[in-house]
Amino acid sequence: MKKSITILLVLTVIVAGLSAGGQQEGTTIRVAAQNVNETVILGHMAKILIEENTELDSEVNTEFSASAVLHQAMVGNEIDLYPTWTGTQLTGILRYEGPNLAPEETYKRVKAGFEENFGMTWSEPFGFNNTYVLAVRKETAEEYNLKKASDLAPYAKDWILAGDENYDTRPDAHPGWSKHYGIDFKKVLPMQYGLIYRAIDGKEVDVASAYATDSRIAKLNLVMLEDDKNFFPDYSGAYVVGERIQEEYPQVLEVLNVLGGQIDTATMSALNLEYDNGEDPEIIARRFLEAQGFVK
């Protein structure tokens, strides 16, 4: 209860500041998101927070196919902010190829890199780490005694691995993993993320590269294999905020930062489950924000 009161007071101060400053009405903040359950929900959270706690309008586009496409749209001033993950952008956009870093250092580096190279900044991390995890069907795990990723070594040459789009080319995905573990699969199939679960459940592939917060891992009774050689970096979620917003509407970042540290991995997984069960993402987002006292 104390947390909710404090947050409401902070947001009240922000709104009061906007009114006093004569904020221009009708300005639209363009929120974008990758077409993945988690980022769709987070995109709607940003839209709701902005509209409920500032005098700005907001729109959300959740049809982007990949994080790199979102970045290019931001560079081209086509969008204003989007949710993403630290490890994704550190390795994919900033091309970091060093050893894995602690979550705090990963965030520090990616934030500094985006500010220096692109004039973009990051909101405070939400609190969850949606790292990649290799998963297999329960019967596969039991038959071959699979508990950790390195256990795949004797079988991978005959098996098919499914990953998300660009999984077969990104250094933080299969190419880097394969080199790090010394394991090559018979075939790596990149596909739209939602299709990965259909593929492994339908026995079209043997191994799936899943996201740690995805509810379908438990729903399909998949077994997550331990990343025993610590390849995958930290993937803490946060918003990337464009230069225009920082300069013209700095209150937007203040509003988004109320989510800092407020969504842990279990909570994000539960929200994803609601989405996967067919709930409207805007309703899911609003219900969470209201329950936490972030909006009335």
C-alpha atoms as a PDB file:
ATOM      1  CA  MET A   1       0.000   0.000   0.000  1.00  0.00           C
ATOM      2  CA  LYS A   2       2.844   2.388   0.817  1.00  0.00           C
ATOM      3  CA  LYS A   3       4.394   1.683  -2.594  1.00  0.00           C
ATOM      4  CA  SER A   4       1.118   2.530  -4.386  1.00  0.00           C
ATOM      5  CA  ILE A   5       0.688   5.794  -2.485  1.00  0.00           C
ATOM      6  CA  THR A   6       4.282   6.828  -3.212  1.00  0.00           C
ATOM      7  CA  ILE A   7       3.963   6.059  -6.913  1.00  0.00           C
ATOM      8  CA  LEU A   8       0.695   7.969  -7.181  1.00  0.00           C
ATOM      9  CA  LEU A   9       2.290  10.965  -5.472  1.00  0.00           C
ATOM     10  CA  VAL A  10       5.219  10.880  -7.910  1.00  0.00           C
ATOM     11  CA  LEU A  11       2.901  10.704 -10.887  1.00  0.00           C
ATOM     12  CA  THR A  12       0.730  13.484  -9.482  1.00  0.00           C
ATOM     13  CA  VAL A  13       3.792  15.727  -9.238  1.00  0.00           C
ATOM     14  CA  ILE A  14       4.710  14.907 -12.847  1.00  0.00           C
ATOM     15  CA  VAL A  15       1.205  15.729 -14.088  1.00  0.00           C
ATOM     16  CA  ALA A  16       1.125  18.937 -12.075  1.00  0.00           C
ATOM     17  CA  GLY A  17       4.421  19.954 -13.615  1.00  0.00           C
ATOM     18  CA  LEU A  18       3.033  19.372 -17.077  1.00  0.00           C
ATOM     19  CA  SER A  19      -0.017  21.530 -16.416  1.00  0.00           C
ATOM     20  CA  ALA A  20       2.106  24.331 -15.008  1.00  0.00           C
ATOM     21  CA  GLY A  21       4.382  24.214 -18.030  1.00  0.00           C
ATOM     22  CA  GLY A  22       1.539  24.438 -20.508  1.00  0.00           C
ATOM     23  CA  GLN A  23       2.256  21.115 -22.232  1.00  0.00           C
ATOM     24  CA  GLN A  24       1.060  21.110 -25.825  1.00  0.00           C
ATOM     25  CA  GLU A  25      -2.027  18.956 -26.235  1.00  0.00           C
ATOM     26  CA  GLY A  26      -2.461  16.595 -29.159  1.00  0.00           C
ATOM     27  CA  THR A  27       1.196  15.584 -29.446  1.00  0.00           C
ATOM     28  CA  THR A  28       1.404  11.860 -30.149  1.00  0.00           C
ATOM     29  CA  ILE A  29       4.159   9.672 -28.712  1.00  0.00           C
ATOM     30  CA  ARG A  30       4.824   6.783 -31.071  1.00  0.00           C
ATOM     31  CA  VAL A  31       5.320   3.544 -29.111  1.00  0.00           C
ATOM     32  CA  ALA A  32       6.497   0.493 -31.033  1.00  0.00           C
ATOM     33  CA  ALA A  33       7.070  -3.135 -30.104  1.00  0.00           C
ATOM     34  CA  GLN A  34       8.248  -6.402 -31.543  1.00  0.00           C
ATOM     35  CA  ASN A  35       5.398  -8.814 -32.250  1.00  0.00           C
ATOM     36  CA  VAL A  36       6.143 -10.991 -29.212  1.00  0.00           C
ATOM     37  CA  ASN A  37       3.705 -11.495 -26.318  1.00  0.00           C
ATOM     38  CA  GLU A  38       5.971  -9.798 -23.775  1.00  0.00           C
ATOM     39  CA  THR A  39       6.875  -6.727 -25.783  1.00  0.00           C
ATOM     40  CA  VAL A  40       3.294  -6.298 -27.006  1.00  0.00           C
ATOM     41  CA  ILE A  41       2.142  -6.087 -23.366  1.00  0.00           C
ATOM     42  CA  LEU A  42       4.974  -3.722 -22.424  1.00  0.00           C
ATOM     43  CA  GLY A  43       4.198  -1.529 -25.416  1.00  0.00           C
ATOM     44  CA  HIS A  44       0.640  -1.122 -24.204  1.00  0.00           C
ATOM     45  CA  MET A  45       1.872  -0.399 -20.674  1.00  0.00           C
ATOM     46  CA  ALA A  46       3.933   2.494 -22.038  1.00  0.00           C
ATOM     47  CA  LYS A  47       0.967   3.854 -23.991  1.00  0.00           C
ATOM     48  CA  ILE A  48      -1.325   3.723 -20.955  1.00  0.00           C
ATOM     49  CA  LEU A  49       1.224   5.273 -18.597  1.00  0.00           C
ATOM     50  CA  ILE A  50       1.828   8.165 -20.992  1.00  0.00           C
ATOM     51  CA  GLU A  51      -1.847   8.864 -21.662  1.00  0.00           C
ATOM     52  CA  GLU A  52      -2.938   8.526 -18.027  1.00  0.00           C
ATOM     53  CA  ASN A  53      -0.129  10.561 -16.479  1.00  0.00           C
ATOM     54  CA  THR A  54       0.701  13.255 -19.026  1.00  0.00           C
ATOM     55  CA  GLU A  55      -1.272  15.461 -21.400  1.00  0.00           C
ATOM     56  CA  LEU A  56       0.297  13.683 -24.358  1.00  0.00           C
ATOM     57  CA  ASP A  57      -1.457  11.300 -26.719  1.00  0.00           C
ATOM     58  CA  SER A  58       0.121   7.969 -27.608  1.00  0.00           C
ATOM     59  CA  GLU A  59      -0.208   5.253 -30.220  1.00  0.00           C
ATOM     60  CA  VAL A  60       1.279   1.782 -30.288  1.00  0.00           C
ATOM     61  CA  ASN A  61       2.419  -0.346 -33.232  1.00  0.00           C
ATOM     62  CA  THR A  62       3.193  -3.948 -32.271  1.00  0.00           C
ATOM     63  CA  GLU A  63       3.870  -5.352 -35.735  1.00  0.00           C
ATOM     64  CA  PHE A  64       7.668  -5.059 -35.857  1.00  0.00           C
ATOM     65  CA  SER A  65       9.418  -8.329 -36.694  1.00  0.00           C
ATOM     66  CA  ALA A  66      12.765  -7.874 -34.944  1.00  0.00           C
ATOM     67  CA  SER A  67      14.688  -5.644 -32.544  1.00  0.00           C
ATOM     68  CA  ALA A  68      17.043  -4.519 -35.310  1.00  0.00           C
ATOM     69  CA  VAL A  69      14.060  -3.239 -37.303  1.00  0.00           C
ATOM     70  CA  LEU A  70      12.868  -1.282 -34.275  1.00  0.00           C
ATOM     71  CA  HIS A  71      16.297   0.263 -33.904  1.00  0.00           C
ATOM     72  CA  GLN A  72      16.380   1.355 -37.531  1.00  0.00           C
ATOM     73  CA  ALA A  73      12.910   2.847 -37.192  1.00  0.00           C
ATOM     74  CA  MET A  74      14.133   4.844 -34.202  1.00  0.00           C
ATOM     75  CA  VAL A  75      17.222   6.013 -36.072  1.00  0.00           C
ATOM     76  CA  GLY A  76      14.917   7.172 -38.863  1.00  0.00           C
ATOM     77  CA  ASN A  77      12.704   9.047 -36.385  1.00  0.00           C
ATOM     78  CA  GLU A  78       9.723   6.888 -37.283  1.00  0.00           C
ATOM     79  CA  ILE A  79       9.074   5.850 -33.656  1.00  0.00           C
ATOM     80  CA  ASP A  80       9.784   7.363 -30.230  1.00  0.00           C
ATOM     81  CA  LEU A  81      10.289   4.437 -27.852  1.00  0.00           C
ATOM     82  CA  TYR A  82      10.139   0.667 -27.667  1.00  0.00           C
ATOM     83  CA  PRO A  83      10.639  -2.151 -25.140  1.00  0.00           C
ATOM     84  CA  THR A  84      13.600  -4.465 -25.640  1.00  0.00           C
ATOM     85  CA  TRP A  85      16.273  -6.437 -23.776  1.00  0.00           C
ATOM     86  CA  THR A  86      19.775  -5.365 -22.756  1.00  0.00           C
ATOM     87  CA  GLY A  87      21.647  -8.403 -24.083  1.00  0.00           C
ATOM     88  CA  THR A  88      19.859  -8.237 -27.430  1.00  0.00           C
ATOM     89  CA  GLN A  89      20.939  -4.690 -28.133  1.00  0.00           C
ATOM     90  CA  LEU A  90      24.387  -4.955 -26.569  1.00  0.00           C
ATOM     91  CA  THR A  91      25.408  -7.769 -28.887  1.00  0.00           C
ATOM     92  CA  GLY A  92      23.150  -7.036 -31.855  1.00  0.00           C
ATOM     93  CA  ILE A  93      23.390  -3.251 -32.202  1.00  0.00           C
ATOM     94  CA  LEU A  94      26.553  -2.386 -30.266  1.00  0.00           C
ATOM     95  CA  ARG A  95      28.335  -5.543 -31.491  1.00  0.00           C
ATOM     96  CA  TYR A  96      29.784  -6.419 -28.097  1.00  0.00           C
ATOM     97  CA  GLU A  97      31.687  -9.713 -28.315  1.00  0.00           C
ATOM     98  CA  GLY A  98      33.385  -9.891 -24.923  1.00  0.00           C
ATOM     99  CA  PRO A  99      32.633 -12.194 -22.000  1.00  0.00           C
ATOM    100  CA  ASN A 100      29.232 -12.188 -20.333  1.00  0.00           C
ATOM    101  CA  LEU A 101      28.699  -9.316 -17.935  1.00  0.00           C
ATOM    102  CA  ALA A 102      26.740  -8.980 -14.708  1.00  0.00           C
ATOM    103  CA  PRO A 103      23.217  -7.551 -15.223  1.00  0.00           C
ATOM    104  CA  GLU A 104      24.168  -4.141 -13.820  1.00  0.00           C
ATOM    105  CA  GLU A 105      27.229  -3.879 -16.061  1.00  0.00           C
ATOM    106  CA  THR A 106      25.271  -5.049 -19.114  1.00  0.00           C
ATOM    107  CA  TYR A 107      22.702  -2.315 -18.542  1.00  0.00           C
ATOM    108  CA  LYS A 108      25.373   0.305 -17.878  1.00  0.00           C
ATOM    109  CA  ARG A 109      27.219  -0.514 -21.099  1.00  0.00           C
ATOM    110  CA  VAL A 110      24.183  -0.650 -23.337  1.00  0.00           C
ATOM    111  CA  LYS A 111      22.761   2.589 -21.927  1.00  0.00           C
ATOM    112  CA  ALA A 112      26.064   4.427 -22.352  1.00  0.00           C
ATOM    113  CA  GLY A 113      26.552   2.966 -25.832  1.00  0.00           C
ATOM    114  CA  PHE A 114      23.134   4.057 -27.052  1.00  0.00           C
ATOM    115  CA  GLU A 115      23.542   7.529 -25.603  1.00  0.00           C
ATOM    116  CA  GLU A 116      26.983   8.009 -27.138  1.00  0.00           C
ATOM    117  CA  ASN A 117      26.302   6.492 -30.563  1.00  0.00           C
ATOM    118  CA  PHE A 118      22.638   7.249 -31.211  1.00  0.00           C
ATOM    119  CA  GLY A 119      21.464   9.895 -28.749  1.00  0.00           C
ATOM    120  CA  MET A 120      18.984   7.364 -27.319  1.00  0.00           C
ATOM    121  CA  THR A 121      18.667   6.406 -23.680  1.00  0.00           C
ATOM    122  CA  TRP A 122      17.178   3.570 -21.629  1.00  0.00           C
ATOM    123  CA  SER A 123      14.562   3.505 -18.897  1.00  0.00           C
ATOM    124  CA  GLU A 124      15.282   1.732 -15.642  1.00  0.00           C
ATOM    125  CA  PRO A 125      15.146  -2.098 -16.071  1.00  0.00           C
ATOM    126  CA  PHE A 126      11.786  -3.687 -15.282  1.00  0.00           C
ATOM    127  CA  GLY A 127      13.254  -6.409 -13.083  1.00  0.00           C
ATOM    128  CA  PHE A 128      13.092  -9.589 -15.181  1.00  0.00           C
ATOM    129  CA  ASN A 129      15.746 -11.377 -17.241  1.00  0.00           C
ATOM    130  CA  ASN A 130      14.265 -12.919 -20.382  1.00  0.00           C
ATOM    131  CA  THR A 131      17.332 -14.789 -21.495  1.00  0.00           C
ATOM    132  CA  TYR A 132      17.393 -17.478 -24.149  1.00  0.00           C
ATOM    133  CA  VAL A 133      17.003 -21.028 -22.899  1.00  0.00           C
ATOM    134  CA  LEU A 134      17.195 -24.260 -24.891  1.00  0.00           C
ATOM    135  CA  ALA A 135      14.183 -26.484 -24.255  1.00  0.00           C
ATOM    136  CA  VAL A 136      13.167 -29.998 -25.228  1.00  0.00           C
ATOM    137  CA  ARG A 137      10.042 -32.086 -24.832  1.00  0.00           C
ATOM    138  CA  LYS A 138       9.834 -33.885 -21.496  1.00  0.00           C
ATOM    139  CA  GLU A 139       9.995 -37.316 -23.113  1.00  0.00           C
ATOM    140  CA  THR A 140      13.126 -36.290 -25.029  1.00  0.00           C
ATOM    141  CA  ALA A 141      14.796 -35.089 -21.842  1.00  0.00           C
ATOM    142  CA  GLU A 142      13.957 -38.350 -20.079  1.00  0.00           C
ATOM    143  CA  GLU A 143      14.952 -40.634 -22.964  1.00  0.00           C
ATOM    144  CA  TYR A 144      18.363 -39.018 -23.487  1.00  0.00           C
ATOM    145  CA  ASN A 145      18.955 -37.866 -19.890  1.00  0.00           C
ATOM    146  CA  LEU A 146      19.190 -34.215 -20.899  1.00  0.00           C
ATOM    147  CA  LYS A 147      19.634 -31.752 -18.055  1.00  0.00           C
ATOM    148  CA  LYS A 148      22.092 -29.187 -19.362  1.00  0.00           C
ATOM    149  CA  ALA A 149      22.951 -27.730 -22.758  1.00  0.00           C
ATOM    150  CA  SER A 150      26.242 -29.601 -23.057  1.00  0.00           C
ATOM    151  CA  ASP A 151      24.282 -32.883 -22.832  1.00  0.00           C
ATOM    152  CA  LEU A 152      23.132 -32.191 -26.398  1.00  0.00           C
ATOM    153  CA  ALA A 153      26.611 -32.880 -27.810  1.00  0.00           C
ATOM    154  CA  PRO A 154      26.123 -36.550 -28.834  1.00  0.00           C
ATOM    155  CA  TYR A 155      22.725 -35.956 -30.464  1.00  0.00           C
ATOM    156  CA  ALA A 156      22.717 -32.480 -32.024  1.00  0.00           C
ATOM    157  CA  LYS A 157      24.226 -33.640 -35.327  1.00  0.00           C
ATOM    158  CA  ASP A 158      21.002 -35.558 -35.999  1.00  0.00           C
ATOM    159  CA  TRP A 159      18.572 -33.007 -34.539  1.00  0.00           C
ATOM    160  CA  ILE A 160      16.846 -29.832 -35.710  1.00  0.00           C
ATOM    161  CA  LEU A 161      16.882 -26.663 -33.630  1.00  0.00           C
ATOM    162  CA  ALA A 162      14.193 -23.969 -33.960  1.00  0.00           C
ATOM    163  CA  GLY A 163      14.941 -20.355 -33.081  1.00  0.00           C
ATOM    164  CA  ASP A 164      13.415 -16.937 -33.603  1.00  0.00           C
ATOM    165  CA  GLU A 165      14.038 -14.755 -36.638  1.00  0.00           C
ATOM    166  CA  ASN A 166      17.769 -14.075 -37.159  1.00  0.00           C
ATOM    167  CA  TYR A 167      18.635 -16.759 -34.581  1.00  0.00           C
ATOM    168  CA  ASP A 168      20.850 -18.461 -37.147  1.00  0.00           C
ATOM    169  CA  THR A 169      22.935 -15.302 -37.760  1.00  0.00           C
ATOM    170  CA  ARG A 170      23.081 -13.270 -34.538  1.00  0.00           C
ATOM    171  CA  PRO A 171      26.297 -13.572 -32.489  1.00  0.00           C
ATOM    172  CA  ASP A 172      24.337 -13.798 -29.217  1.00  0.00           C
ATOM    173  CA  ALA A 173      22.273 -16.655 -30.650  1.00  0.00           C
ATOM    174  CA  HIS A 174      23.191 -19.890 -32.440  1.00  0.00           C
ATOM    175  CA  PRO A 175      26.495 -18.942 -34.159  1.00  0.00           C
ATOM    176  CA  GLY A 176      28.015 -17.809 -30.881  1.00  0.00           C
ATOM    177  CA  TRP A 177      26.417 -20.622 -28.880  1.00  0.00           C
ATOM    178  CA  SER A 178      27.653 -23.268 -31.314  1.00  0.00           C
ATOM    179  CA  LYS A 179      31.211 -21.967 -31.163  1.00  0.00           C
ATOM    180  CA  HIS A 180      31.101 -21.610 -27.370  1.00  0.00           C
ATOM    181  CA  TYR A 181      29.787 -25.139 -26.784  1.00  0.00           C
ATOM    182  CA  GLY A 182      31.449 -26.827 -29.753  1.00  0.00           C
ATOM    183  CA  ILE A 183      28.099 -28.283 -30.795  1.00  0.00           C
ATOM    184  CA  ASP A 184      26.543 -28.186 -34.276  1.00  0.00           C
ATOM    185  CA  PHE A 185      22.955 -29.113 -35.063  1.00  0.00           C
ATOM    186  CA  LYS A 186      21.863 -30.935 -38.220  1.00  0.00           C
ATOM    187  CA  LYS A 187      19.772 -27.897 -39.068  1.00  0.00           C
ATOM    188  CA  VAL A 188      18.838 -24.550 -37.514  1.00  0.00           C
ATOM    189  CA  LEU A 189      15.417 -23.225 -38.492  1.00  0.00           C
ATOM    190  CA  PRO A 190      14.729 -19.530 -37.857  1.00  0.00           C
ATOM    191  CA  MET A 191      11.013 -18.745 -37.720  1.00  0.00           C
ATOM    192  CA  GLN A 192       8.449 -16.378 -36.305  1.00  0.00           C
ATOM    193  CA  TYR A 193       8.743 -16.762 -32.558  1.00  0.00           C
ATOM    194  CA  GLY A 194       5.230 -18.036 -31.903  1.00  0.00           C
ATOM    195  CA  LEU A 195       5.713 -20.859 -34.399  1.00  0.00           C
ATOM    196  CA  ILE A 196       8.628 -22.301 -32.412  1.00  0.00           C
ATOM    197  CA  TYR A 197       6.287 -23.791 -29.824  1.00  0.00           C
ATOM    198  CA  ARG A 198       4.021 -25.308 -32.455  1.00  0.00           C
ATOM    199  CA  ALA A 199       7.055 -26.849 -34.114  1.00  0.00           C
ATOM    200  CA  ILE A 200       8.441 -28.520 -31.006  1.00  0.00           C
ATOM    201  CA  ASP A 201       5.020 -29.560 -29.698  1.00  0.00           C
ATOM    202  CA  GLY A 202       4.255 -31.066 -33.109  1.00  0.00           C
ATOM    203  CA  LYS A 203       7.620 -32.886 -33.142  1.00  0.00           C
ATOM    204  CA  GLU A 204       8.744 -31.007 -36.241  1.00  0.00           C
ATOM    205  CA  VAL A 205      11.933 -29.987 -34.426  1.00  0.00           C
ATOM    206  CA  ASP A 206      13.878 -31.554 -31.565  1.00  0.00           C
ATOM    207  CA  VAL A 207      15.089 -28.510 -29.629  1.00  0.00           C
ATOM    208  CA  ALA A 208      13.622 -25.036 -29.224  1.00  0.00           C
ATOM    209  CA  SER A 209      15.363 -21.832 -28.308  1.00  0.00           C
ATOM    210  CA  ALA A 210      12.775 -20.290 -25.997  1.00  0.00           C
ATOM    211  CA  TYR A 211      12.563 -17.128 -23.920  1.00  0.00           C
ATOM    212  CA  ALA A 212      12.847 -17.688 -20.172  1.00  0.00           C
ATOM    213  CA  THR A 213       9.674 -15.741 -19.357  1.00  0.00           C
ATOM    214  CA  ASP A 214       7.485 -17.511 -21.900  1.00  0.00           C
ATOM    215  CA  SER A 215       4.494 -19.212 -20.313  1.00  0.00           C
ATOM    216  CA  ARG A 216       4.348 -21.855 -23.039  1.00  0.00           C
ATOM    217  CA  ILE A 217       7.413 -23.590 -21.602  1.00  0.00           C
ATOM    218  CA  ALA A 218       5.341 -24.793 -18.636  1.00  0.00           C
ATOM    219  CA  LYS A 219       2.121 -25.038 -20.642  1.00  0.00           C
ATOM    220  CA  LEU A 220       3.682 -27.538 -23.087  1.00  0.00           C
ATOM    221  CA  ASN A 221       5.607 -29.326 -20.336  1.00  0.00           C
ATOM    222  CA  LEU A 222       8.969 -28.509 -21.893  1.00  0.00           C
ATOM    223  CA  VAL A 223      12.222 -29.016 -20.011  1.00  0.00           C
ATOM    224  CA  MET A 224      14.661 -26.099 -19.896  1.00  0.00           C
ATOM    225  CA  LEU A 225      18.301 -27.119 -20.211  1.00  0.00           C
ATOM    226  CA  GLU A 226      20.798 -25.396 -17.953  1.00  0.00           C
ATOM    227  CA  ASP A 227      23.183 -23.015 -19.732  1.00  0.00           C
ATOM    228  CA  ASP A 228      26.054 -24.793 -17.986  1.00  0.00           C
ATOM    229  CA  LYS A 229      28.768 -22.960 -19.944  1.00  0.00           C
ATOM    230  CA  ASN A 230      27.160 -19.557 -19.311  1.00  0.00           C
ATOM    231  CA  PHE A 231      26.876 -18.438 -22.923  1.00  0.00           C
ATOM    232  CA  PHE A 232      23.698 -16.388 -23.030  1.00  0.00           C
ATOM    233  CA  PRO A 233      24.035 -12.821 -21.754  1.00  0.00           C
ATOM    234  CA  ASP A 234      21.665 -10.959 -19.468  1.00  0.00           C
ATOM    235  CA  TYR A 235      18.429  -9.910 -21.151  1.00  0.00           C
ATOM    236  CA  SER A 236      16.894  -7.466 -18.714  1.00  0.00           C
ATOM    237  CA  GLY A 237      13.870  -5.699 -20.151  1.00  0.00           C
ATOM    238  CA  ALA A 238      13.631  -1.906 -20.442  1.00  0.00           C
ATOM    239  CA  TYR A 239      12.421   0.822 -22.792  1.00  0.00           C
ATOM    240  CA  VAL A 240      14.682   2.547 -25.297  1.00  0.00           C
ATOM    241  CA  VAL A 241      13.707   6.218 -25.562  1.00  0.00           C
ATOM    242  CA  GLY A 242      14.541   8.371 -28.580  1.00  0.00           C
ATOM    243  CA  GLU A 243      16.307  11.723 -28.682  1.00  0.00           C
ATOM    244  CA  ARG A 244      13.179  13.706 -29.572  1.00  0.00           C
ATOM    245  CA  ILE A 245      11.397  12.551 -26.433  1.00  0.00           C
ATOM    246  CA  GLN A 246      14.361  13.348 -24.200  1.00  0.00           C
ATOM    247  CA  GLU A 247      14.611  16.861 -25.579  1.00  0.00           C
ATOM    248  CA  GLU A 248      10.961  17.818 -25.973  1.00  0.00           C
ATOM    249  CA  TYR A 249       9.100  15.626 -23.477  1.00  0.00           C
ATOM    250  CA  PRO A 250      11.489  14.471 -20.700  1.00  0.00           C
ATOM    251  CA  GLN A 251       8.491  13.714 -18.474  1.00  0.00           C
ATOM    252  CA  VAL A 252       7.832  10.609 -20.582  1.00  0.00           C
ATOM    253  CA  LEU A 253      10.998   8.921 -19.301  1.00  0.00           C
ATOM    254  CA  GLU A 254      10.044   9.865 -15.728  1.00  0.00           C
ATOM    255  CA  VAL A 255       6.656   8.225 -16.187  1.00  0.00           C
ATOM    256  CA  LEU A 256       8.145   5.060 -17.698  1.00  0.00           C
ATOM    257  CA  ASN A 257      10.688   4.766 -14.888  1.00  0.00           C
ATOM    258  CA  VAL A 258       7.954   3.961 -12.348  1.00  0.00           C
ATOM    259  CA  LEU A 259       8.161   0.404 -13.758  1.00  0.00           C
ATOM    260  CA  GLY A 260      11.821   0.107 -12.749  1.00  0.00           C
ATOM    261  CA  GLY A 261      12.299  -3.030 -10.658  1.00  0.00           C
ATOM    262  CA  GLN A 262       8.561  -3.713 -10.514  1.00  0.00           C
ATOM    263  CA  ILE A 263       8.164  -6.691 -12.903  1.00  0.00           C
ATOM    264  CA  ASP A 264      10.081  -9.824 -11.958  1.00  0.00           C
ATOM    265  CA  THR A 265      10.458 -12.915 -14.150  1.00  0.00           C
ATOM    266  CA  ALA A 266       7.536 -14.790 -12.547  1.00  0.00           C
ATOM    267  CA  THR A 267       5.235 -11.792 -12.976  1.00  0.00           C
ATOM    268  CA  MET A 268       6.183 -11.289 -16.615  1.00  0.00           C
ATOM    269  CA  SER A 269       5.657 -14.989 -17.290  1.00  0.00           C
ATOM    270  CA  ALA A 270       2.177 -14.789 -15.717  1.00  0.00           C
ATOM    271  CA  LEU A 271       1.273 -11.759 -17.843  1.00  0.00           C
ATOM    272  CA  ASN A 272       2.520 -13.596 -20.931  1.00  0.00           C
ATOM    273  CA  LEU A 273       0.284 -16.553 -20.038  1.00  0.00           C
ATOM    274  CA  GLU A 274      -2.763 -14.274 -19.995  1.00  0.00           C
ATOM    275  CA  TYR A 275      -1.826 -13.062 -23.477  1.00  0.00           C
ATOM    276  CA  ASP A 276      -1.190 -16.594 -24.742  1.00  0.00           C
ATOM    277  CA  ASN A 277      -4.628 -17.605 -23.438  1.00  0.00           C
ATOM    278  CA  GLY A 278      -6.227 -15.004 -25.677  1.00  0.00           C
ATOM    279  CA  GLU A 279      -6.622 -11.979 -23.399  1.00  0.00           C
ATOM    280  CA  ASP A 280      -6.419  -8.525 -24.973  1.00  0.00           C
ATOM    281  CA  PRO A 281      -2.905  -7.096 -24.326  1.00  0.00           C
ATOM    282  CA  GLU A 282      -4.226  -3.629 -23.495  1.00  0.00           C
ATOM    283  CA  ILE A 283      -6.531  -5.088 -20.857  1.00  0.00           C
ATOM    284  CA  ILE A 284      -3.669  -7.150 -19.428  1.00  0.00           C
ATOM    285  CA  ALA A 285      -1.442  -4.068 -19.277  1.00  0.00           C
ATOM    286  CA  ARG A 286      -4.063  -1.851 -17.663  1.00  0.00           C
ATOM    287  CA  ARG A 287      -5.062  -4.447 -15.089  1.00  0.00           C
ATOM    288  CA  PHE A 288      -1.434  -4.809 -13.976  1.00  0.00           C
ATOM    289  CA  LEU A 289      -0.855  -1.057 -13.835  1.00  0.00           C
ATOM    290  CA  GLU A 290      -4.030  -0.507 -11.819  1.00  0.00           C
ATOM    291  CA  ALA A 291      -3.215  -3.362  -9.413  1.00  0.00           C
ATOM    292  CA  GLN A 292       0.216  -1.849  -8.741  1.00  0.00           C
ATOM    293  CA  GLY A 293      -1.148   1.663  -8.322  1.00  0.00           C
ATOM    294  CA  PHE A 294       0.593   3.046 -11.400  1.00  0.00           C
ATOM    295  CA  VAL A 295      -2.690   4.311 -12.875  1.00  0.00           C
ATOM    296  CA  LYS A 296      -6.135   4.820 -11.356  1.00  0.00           C
END
